Every structure is written in C-alpha cells, then in structure tokens.
Amino acid sequence: MSDRPGTVRAVLRAACAALALASLTACAAPPQKEMDQAEGAIATARAAGAPQYAPEEFTAAETALRRSHEAAGQRDFRQALNHALDARQRAQTAARDAGDRKAVARGQAERAITSAELALAMAQQRLGAAVAAAPTTGRRPATAVAAQTALQQAIATATSGLQEARSHLDAQRFDQVLTVVTPVGAQIQAATRAFEAATMAAPPARPARRGR
C-alpha cells in the first residue's frame, strides 16, 4: 500500500498522530476545569447537608479532590484528572443521598412533633374535664391531688419542649427535634395515664357538713 498523500495508510497515520498529540496535550496541563467542577459539586453537596446525612461519600469526595491537587502538584496530570472526575461523581452521589436521607429525617421529626402535640391535647382535655367535674367542697385524696399536680407540670414541660422542637424543625435540625420531643411525648403520656388511674381510684369526695 502506497504512503502517498491521500492514500488510506497516510490518512490513518495522520489520524493516529493527531490523537497522540491530543493525548499528550491533554496530559500536559492540570485538569483545571474538572477540578473546578469537582469543587462546585462538593459545595453543592455541602449545602445539601451531605456532611451530616452522607458523611462517608462526602468525605471520599473531598479526599479525591485533595489527591487531584496533589497529583497536579507532582505534574501527574492524568492521575489528577482521574481523581477530579472521581471527586465530582462522589460529590454528586453524596448530594443525592443527603437529599433523600434529609427528607426521611424531616418526616420523622414532623411525625414526632405531631404525636407529642396530640398527647398534649389529650392531657389538657383530661385535666380540664376532671377539674370541671371535681366537687367544689370536701377534701380530695392526696394521690389524686399529686397526680393532678404532676400532670400540670408535665403539660407545662411539654408546651415548652414543643416550642423548642418547632424551632429546631424550622432550622432543619431534625436530630435535635427527636432529642427534645421524644422524652416530652413519653412524659406527657405517662403523666396522663397516672392522672387517669388516680382519678378513677379516688373515692367520691364527701360534701362538707352544713351547720345546724
């Protein structure tokens, strides 16, 4: 086969030379565009909450980007490119995973607040009904009085705790919501049960004797 200009062999050789030149040129400078893209992806993942909700993948992305810069500093631009692409991909995965897990955490926090609100409303209803039905005269058993006092304190604590939990929810601190509201819900439910038990067990109050 002839090597004259225009022949197949000449065209193939020219194409191979062009590819080799492009490869050498690509590896002759730091992959700045890819490193910038990786940094942007990491910033997006951080804003999405990846350090908290996808820490392993986010840390791996940061590590890959650091290795890309190190390789570029050693003029190993091919390796720098590989690390930059890896960093970008891991950051994108971290952002996606963080978004999914954050949505789950928000749902859990909202359900916990709703459950505590319902328990508080029930406690307030039980207390109000008992106070309305209590006799205005006569002494009440000490156990009933103590249970009512405990329920009133639990209602005050739950009201304050729910306010704090809602503040955490607005600030997207979903773990803090659960930390605050879970014991509050348990406390108000326990106090309500104890109050109901003491009220049912208490004998009817005797009316005060009228003077002759």
C-alpha atoms as a PDB file:
ATOM      1  CA  MET A   1       0.000   0.000   0.000  1.00  0.00           C
ATOM      2  CA  SER A   2       1.369   3.406  -1.003  1.00  0.00           C
ATOM      3  CA  ASP A   3       2.147   6.170   1.509  1.00  0.00           C
ATOM      4  CA  ARG A   4       1.335   8.862  -0.974  1.00  0.00           C
ATOM      5  CA  PRO A   5      -0.794  11.731   0.351  1.00  0.00           C
ATOM      6  CA  GLY A   6      -4.466  10.832   0.175  1.00  0.00           C
ATOM      7  CA  THR A   7      -3.955   7.069   0.494  1.00  0.00           C
ATOM      8  CA  VAL A   8      -5.648   5.109   3.349  1.00  0.00           C
ATOM      9  CA  ARG A   9      -2.356   4.448   5.138  1.00  0.00           C
ATOM     10  CA  ALA A  10      -1.420   8.095   5.064  1.00  0.00           C
ATOM     11  CA  VAL A  11      -4.812   9.121   6.416  1.00  0.00           C
ATOM     12  CA  LEU A  12      -4.591   6.559   9.246  1.00  0.00           C
ATOM     13  CA  ARG A  13      -1.129   7.694  10.195  1.00  0.00           C
ATOM     14  CA  ALA A  14      -2.226  11.302  10.261  1.00  0.00           C
ATOM     15  CA  ALA A  15      -5.222  10.405  12.453  1.00  0.00           C
ATOM     16  CA  CYS A  16      -3.057   8.450  14.907  1.00  0.00           C
ATOM     17  CA  ALA A  17      -0.596  11.303  15.094  1.00  0.00           C
ATOM     18  CA  ALA A  18      -3.398  13.734  15.804  1.00  0.00           C
ATOM     19  CA  LEU A  19      -4.782  11.506  18.568  1.00  0.00           C
ATOM     20  CA  ALA A  20      -1.353  11.085  20.122  1.00  0.00           C
ATOM     21  CA  LEU A  21      -0.772  14.839  20.005  1.00  0.00           C
ATOM     22  CA  ALA A  22      -4.175  15.488  21.606  1.00  0.00           C
ATOM     23  CA  SER A  23      -3.443  12.950  24.335  1.00  0.00           C
ATOM     24  CA  LEU A  24      -0.089  14.485  25.082  1.00  0.00           C
ATOM     25  CA  THR A  25      -1.586  17.971  25.113  1.00  0.00           C
ATOM     26  CA  ALA A  26      -4.405  16.900  27.467  1.00  0.00           C
ATOM     27  CA  CYS A  27      -1.927  15.420  29.910  1.00  0.00           C
ATOM     28  CA  ALA A  28       0.458  18.344  29.699  1.00  0.00           C
ATOM     29  CA  ALA A  29      -1.572  20.680  31.900  1.00  0.00           C
ATOM     30  CA  PRO A  30      -3.599  20.371  35.115  1.00  0.00           C
ATOM     31  CA  PRO A  31      -7.253  19.401  34.580  1.00  0.00           C
ATOM     32  CA  GLN A  32      -8.405  22.713  35.987  1.00  0.00           C
ATOM     33  CA  LYS A  33     -11.890  22.539  34.513  1.00  0.00           C
ATOM     34  CA  GLU A  34     -12.562  19.132  36.042  1.00  0.00           C
ATOM     35  CA  MET A  35     -11.118  20.174  39.400  1.00  0.00           C
ATOM     36  CA  ASP A  36     -13.323  23.269  39.398  1.00  0.00           C
ATOM     37  CA  GLN A  37     -16.339  21.124  38.599  1.00  0.00           C
ATOM     38  CA  ALA A  38     -15.466  18.808  41.477  1.00  0.00           C
ATOM     39  CA  GLU A  39     -15.166  21.739  43.853  1.00  0.00           C
ATOM     40  CA  GLY A  40     -18.560  23.017  42.707  1.00  0.00           C
ATOM     41  CA  ALA A  41     -20.135  19.597  43.204  1.00  0.00           C
ATOM     42  CA  ILE A  42     -18.661  19.377  46.702  1.00  0.00           C
ATOM     43  CA  ALA A  43     -20.019  22.820  47.565  1.00  0.00           C
ATOM     44  CA  THR A  44     -23.451  21.747  46.348  1.00  0.00           C
ATOM     45  CA  ALA A  45     -23.277  18.563  48.411  1.00  0.00           C
ATOM     46  CA  ARG A  46     -22.259  20.525  51.487  1.00  0.00           C
ATOM     47  CA  ALA A  47     -25.228  22.859  51.050  1.00  0.00           C
ATOM     48  CA  ALA A  48     -27.499  19.807  50.725  1.00  0.00           C
ATOM     49  CA  GLY A  49     -26.363  18.566  54.140  1.00  0.00           C
ATOM     50  CA  ALA A  50     -24.039  15.822  52.923  1.00  0.00           C
ATOM     51  CA  PRO A  51     -21.546  16.215  55.812  1.00  0.00           C
ATOM     52  CA  GLN A  52     -24.359  15.150  58.160  1.00  0.00           C
ATOM     53  CA  TYR A  53     -26.547  12.891  56.033  1.00  0.00           C
ATOM     54  CA  ALA A  54     -23.992  11.305  53.663  1.00  0.00           C
ATOM     55  CA  PRO A  55     -20.687  11.715  55.524  1.00  0.00           C
ATOM     56  CA  GLU A  56     -18.804   8.756  54.036  1.00  0.00           C
ATOM     57  CA  GLU A  57     -19.383   9.654  50.403  1.00  0.00           C
ATOM     58  CA  PHE A  58     -18.841  13.346  51.089  1.00  0.00           C
ATOM     59  CA  THR A  59     -15.521  12.675  52.835  1.00  0.00           C
ATOM     60  CA  ALA A  60     -14.473  10.437  49.945  1.00  0.00           C
ATOM     61  CA  ALA A  61     -15.234  13.260  47.504  1.00  0.00           C
ATOM     62  CA  GLU A  62     -13.109  15.709  49.481  1.00  0.00           C
ATOM     63  CA  THR A  63     -10.298  13.157  49.674  1.00  0.00           C
ATOM     64  CA  ALA A  64     -10.403  12.549  45.923  1.00  0.00           C
ATOM     65  CA  LEU A  65     -10.228  16.271  45.203  1.00  0.00           C
ATOM     66  CA  ARG A  66      -7.273  16.664  47.559  1.00  0.00           C
ATOM     67  CA  ARG A  67      -5.479  13.828  45.768  1.00  0.00           C
ATOM     68  CA  SER A  68      -6.231  15.511  42.451  1.00  0.00           C
ATOM     69  CA  HIS A  69      -4.488  18.675  43.609  1.00  0.00           C
ATOM     70  CA  GLU A  70      -1.578  16.648  44.981  1.00  0.00           C
ATOM     71  CA  ALA A  71      -1.182  14.789  41.691  1.00  0.00           C
ATOM     72  CA  ALA A  72      -1.342  18.051  39.761  1.00  0.00           C
ATOM     73  CA  GLY A  73       1.354  19.447  42.008  1.00  0.00           C
ATOM     74  CA  GLN A  74       3.516  16.450  41.113  1.00  0.00           C
ATOM     75  CA  ARG A  75       2.720  17.048  37.401  1.00  0.00           C
ATOM     76  CA  ASP A  76       0.907  13.710  37.174  1.00  0.00           C
ATOM     77  CA  PHE A  77      -1.926  15.316  35.262  1.00  0.00           C
ATOM     78  CA  ARG A  78      -3.517  12.079  34.104  1.00  0.00           C
ATOM     79  CA  GLN A  79      -3.909  10.921  37.703  1.00  0.00           C
ATOM     80  CA  ALA A  80      -5.084  14.390  38.682  1.00  0.00           C
ATOM     81  CA  LEU A  81      -7.824  14.116  36.074  1.00  0.00           C
ATOM     82  CA  ASN A  82      -8.915  10.706  37.317  1.00  0.00           C
ATOM     83  CA  HIS A  83      -9.144  11.939  40.901  1.00  0.00           C
ATOM     84  CA  ALA A  84     -11.035  15.071  39.866  1.00  0.00           C
ATOM     85  CA  LEU A  85     -13.626  13.034  37.966  1.00  0.00           C
ATOM     86  CA  ASP A  86     -13.951  10.672  40.910  1.00  0.00           C
ATOM     87  CA  ALA A  87     -14.415  13.588  43.300  1.00  0.00           C
ATOM     88  CA  ARG A  88     -17.154  15.094  41.158  1.00  0.00           C
ATOM     89  CA  GLN A  89     -19.027  11.805  40.905  1.00  0.00           C
ATOM     90  CA  ARG A  90     -18.784  11.078  44.627  1.00  0.00           C
ATOM     91  CA  ALA A  91     -19.935  14.605  45.491  1.00  0.00           C
ATOM     92  CA  GLN A  92     -22.960  14.248  43.234  1.00  0.00           C
ATOM     93  CA  THR A  93     -23.805  10.927  44.871  1.00  0.00           C
ATOM     94  CA  ALA A  94     -23.395  12.457  48.320  1.00  0.00           C
ATOM     95  CA  ALA A  95     -25.743  15.320  47.435  1.00  0.00           C
ATOM     96  CA  ARG A  96     -28.379  12.913  46.130  1.00  0.00           C
ATOM     97  CA  ASP A  97     -28.123  10.601  49.152  1.00  0.00           C
ATOM     98  CA  ALA A  98     -28.198  13.546  51.545  1.00  0.00           C
ATOM     99  CA  GLY A  99     -31.368  14.867  49.966  1.00  0.00           C
ATOM    100  CA  ASP A 100     -33.099  11.508  50.333  1.00  0.00           C
ATOM    101  CA  ARG A 101     -31.981  10.965  53.926  1.00  0.00           C
ATOM    102  CA  LYS A 102     -32.788  14.529  54.896  1.00  0.00           C
ATOM    103  CA  ALA A 103     -36.342  14.075  53.636  1.00  0.00           C
ATOM    104  CA  VAL A 104     -36.680  10.941  55.762  1.00  0.00           C
ATOM    105  CA  ALA A 105     -35.316  12.761  58.819  1.00  0.00           C
ATOM    106  CA  ARG A 106     -37.758  15.637  58.306  1.00  0.00           C
ATOM    107  CA  GLY A 107     -40.652  13.203  58.105  1.00  0.00           C
ATOM    108  CA  GLN A 108     -39.606  11.516  61.329  1.00  0.00           C
ATOM    109  CA  ALA A 109     -39.263  14.857  63.101  1.00  0.00           C
ATOM    110  CA  GLU A 110     -42.647  16.081  61.913  1.00  0.00           C
ATOM    111  CA  ARG A 111     -44.360  12.861  62.994  1.00  0.00           C
ATOM    112  CA  ALA A 112     -42.726  13.053  66.416  1.00  0.00           C
ATOM    113  CA  ILE A 113     -43.963  16.615  66.904  1.00  0.00           C
ATOM    114  CA  THR A 114     -47.476  15.677  65.787  1.00  0.00           C
ATOM    115  CA  SER A 115     -47.546  12.734  68.187  1.00  0.00           C
ATOM    116  CA  ALA A 116     -46.424  14.919  71.100  1.00  0.00           C
ATOM    117  CA  GLU A 117     -48.989  17.584  70.182  1.00  0.00           C
ATOM    118  CA  LEU A 118     -51.782  15.009  70.233  1.00  0.00           C
ATOM    119  CA  ALA A 119     -50.603  13.687  73.609  1.00  0.00           C
ATOM    120  CA  LEU A 120     -50.517  17.229  74.975  1.00  0.00           C
ATOM    121  CA  ALA A 121     -54.021  17.988  73.689  1.00  0.00           C
ATOM    122  CA  MET A 122     -55.343  14.813  75.277  1.00  0.00           C
ATOM    123  CA  ALA A 123     -53.690  15.632  78.597  1.00  0.00           C
ATOM    124  CA  GLN A 124     -55.178  19.114  78.576  1.00  0.00           C
ATOM    125  CA  GLN A 125     -58.601  17.696  77.775  1.00  0.00           C
ATOM    126  CA  ARG A 126     -58.419  15.092  80.568  1.00  0.00           C
ATOM    127  CA  LEU A 127     -57.252  17.670  83.077  1.00  0.00           C
ATOM    128  CA  GLY A 128     -59.925  20.180  82.104  1.00  0.00           C
ATOM    129  CA  ALA A 129     -62.701  17.595  82.330  1.00  0.00           C
ATOM    130  CA  ALA A 130     -61.523  16.381  85.726  1.00  0.00           C
ATOM    131  CA  VAL A 131     -61.234  19.884  87.123  1.00  0.00           C
ATOM    132  CA  ALA A 132     -64.721  20.737  85.875  1.00  0.00           C
ATOM    133  CA  ALA A 133     -66.189  17.598  87.450  1.00  0.00           C
ATOM    134  CA  ALA A 134     -64.372  17.947  90.772  1.00  0.00           C
ATOM    135  CA  PRO A 135     -66.559  18.894  93.735  1.00  0.00           C
ATOM    136  CA  THR A 136     -66.127  22.395  94.990  1.00  0.00           C
ATOM    137  CA  THR A 137     -66.323  21.263  98.593  1.00  0.00           C
ATOM    138  CA  GLY A 138     -64.762  18.421 100.517  1.00  0.00           C
ATOM    139  CA  ARG A 139     -61.232  17.138 100.614  1.00  0.00           C
ATOM    140  CA  ARG A 140     -59.732  15.259  97.668  1.00  0.00           C
ATOM    141  CA  PRO A 141     -57.446  12.252  98.154  1.00  0.00           C
ATOM    142  CA  ALA A 142     -53.772  13.134  98.296  1.00  0.00           C
ATOM    143  CA  THR A 143     -52.967  10.731  95.459  1.00  0.00           C
ATOM    144  CA  ALA A 144     -55.421  12.494  93.134  1.00  0.00           C
ATOM    145  CA  VAL A 145     -54.048  15.902  94.068  1.00  0.00           C
ATOM    146  CA  ALA A 146     -50.475  14.723  93.478  1.00  0.00           C
ATOM    147  CA  ALA A 147     -51.388  13.179  90.110  1.00  0.00           C
ATOM    148  CA  GLN A 148     -53.081  16.401  89.027  1.00  0.00           C
ATOM    149  CA  THR A 149     -50.043  18.457  90.033  1.00  0.00           C
ATOM    150  CA  ALA A 150     -47.751  16.090  88.133  1.00  0.00           C
ATOM    151  CA  LEU A 151     -49.949  16.327  85.047  1.00  0.00           C
ATOM    152  CA  GLN A 152     -49.985  20.116  85.195  1.00  0.00           C
ATOM    153  CA  GLN A 153     -46.190  20.159  85.397  1.00  0.00           C
ATOM    154  CA  ALA A 154     -45.946  17.689  82.501  1.00  0.00           C
ATOM    155  CA  ILE A 155     -48.237  19.888  80.402  1.00  0.00           C
ATOM    156  CA  ALA A 156     -46.062  22.931  81.081  1.00  0.00           C
ATOM    157  CA  THR A 157     -42.907  20.987  80.225  1.00  0.00           C
ATOM    158  CA  ALA A 158     -44.440  19.584  77.042  1.00  0.00           C
ATOM    159  CA  THR A 159     -45.590  23.020  75.907  1.00  0.00           C
ATOM    160  CA  SER A 160     -42.096  24.422  76.338  1.00  0.00           C
ATOM    161  CA  GLY A 161     -40.471  21.381  74.736  1.00  0.00           C
ATOM    162  CA  LEU A 162     -42.710  21.561  71.688  1.00  0.00           C
ATOM    163  CA  GLN A 163     -41.835  25.204  71.175  1.00  0.00           C
ATOM    164  CA  GLU A 164     -38.150  24.290  71.208  1.00  0.00           C
ATOM    165  CA  ALA A 165     -38.746  21.346  68.882  1.00  0.00           C
ATOM    166  CA  ARG A 166     -40.543  23.542  66.354  1.00  0.00           C
ATOM    167  CA  SER A 167     -37.603  25.945  66.398  1.00  0.00           C
ATOM    168  CA  HIS A 168     -35.253  23.061  65.607  1.00  0.00           C
ATOM    169  CA  LEU A 169     -37.592  21.925  62.820  1.00  0.00           C
ATOM    170  CA  ASP A 170     -37.591  25.383  61.237  1.00  0.00           C
ATOM    171  CA  ALA A 171     -33.786  25.381  61.376  1.00  0.00           C
ATOM    172  CA  GLN A 172     -33.709  21.858  59.844  1.00  0.00           C
ATOM    173  CA  ARG A 173     -32.030  20.392  62.927  1.00  0.00           C
ATOM    174  CA  PHE A 174     -34.058  17.221  62.694  1.00  0.00           C
ATOM    175  CA  ASP A 175     -31.935  15.168  65.077  1.00  0.00           C
ATOM    176  CA  GLN A 176     -32.405  17.829  67.738  1.00  0.00           C
ATOM    177  CA  VAL A 177     -36.165  17.673  67.215  1.00  0.00           C
ATOM    178  CA  LEU A 178     -36.179  13.993  68.121  1.00  0.00           C
ATOM    179  CA  THR A 179     -33.830  14.561  71.045  1.00  0.00           C
ATOM    180  CA  VAL A 180     -36.192  17.148  72.529  1.00  0.00           C
ATOM    181  CA  VAL A 181     -39.630  15.859  71.661  1.00  0.00           C
ATOM    182  CA  THR A 182     -39.272  12.104  72.213  1.00  0.00           C
ATOM    183  CA  PRO A 183     -38.928  12.281  76.014  1.00  0.00           C
ATOM    184  CA  VAL A 184     -41.559  15.033  76.134  1.00  0.00           C
ATOM    185  CA  GLY A 185     -44.121  12.797  74.452  1.00  0.00           C
ATOM    186  CA  ALA A 186     -43.316   9.888  76.720  1.00  0.00           C
ATOM    187  CA  GLN A 187     -43.524  12.065  79.829  1.00  0.00           C
ATOM    188  CA  ILE A 188     -46.899  13.605  78.991  1.00  0.00           C
ATOM    189  CA  GLN A 189     -48.391  10.215  78.160  1.00  0.00           C
ATOM    190  CA  ALA A 190     -47.145   8.696  81.413  1.00  0.00           C
ATOM    191  CA  ALA A 191     -48.461  11.637  83.441  1.00  0.00           C
ATOM    192  CA  THR A 192     -51.855  11.357  81.732  1.00  0.00           C
ATOM    193  CA  ARG A 193     -52.122   7.648  82.489  1.00  0.00           C
ATOM    194  CA  ALA A 194     -51.139   8.207  86.108  1.00  0.00           C
ATOM    195  CA  PHE A 195     -53.686  11.001  86.455  1.00  0.00           C
ATOM    196  CA  GLU A 196     -56.486   8.901  84.983  1.00  0.00           C
ATOM    197  CA  ALA A 197     -55.623   5.977  87.243  1.00  0.00           C
ATOM    198  CA  ALA A 198     -55.559   8.171  90.355  1.00  0.00           C
ATOM    199  CA  THR A 199     -58.827   9.844  89.407  1.00  0.00           C
ATOM    200  CA  MET A 200     -60.616   6.547  88.866  1.00  0.00           C
ATOM    201  CA  ALA A 201     -59.275   5.052  92.093  1.00  0.00           C
ATOM    202  CA  ALA A 202     -60.191   8.045  94.237  1.00  0.00           C
ATOM    203  CA  PRO A 203     -63.454   7.698  96.194  1.00  0.00           C
ATOM    204  CA  PRO A 204     -66.078  10.396  95.730  1.00  0.00           C
ATOM    205  CA  ALA A 205     -65.348  13.427  97.841  1.00  0.00           C
ATOM    206  CA  ARG A 206     -67.655  13.844 100.799  1.00  0.00           C
ATOM    207  CA  PRO A 207     -69.615  17.063 100.818  1.00  0.00           C
ATOM    208  CA  ALA A 208     -68.913  19.409 103.660  1.00  0.00           C
ATOM    209  CA  ARG A 209     -71.340  19.199 106.563  1.00  0.00           C
ATOM    210  CA  ARG A 210     -73.760  22.017 106.908  1.00  0.00           C
ATOM    211  CA  GLY A 211     -74.027  23.691 110.234  1.00  0.00           C
ATOM    212  CA  ARG A 212     -77.218  23.157 112.219  1.00  0.00           C
END
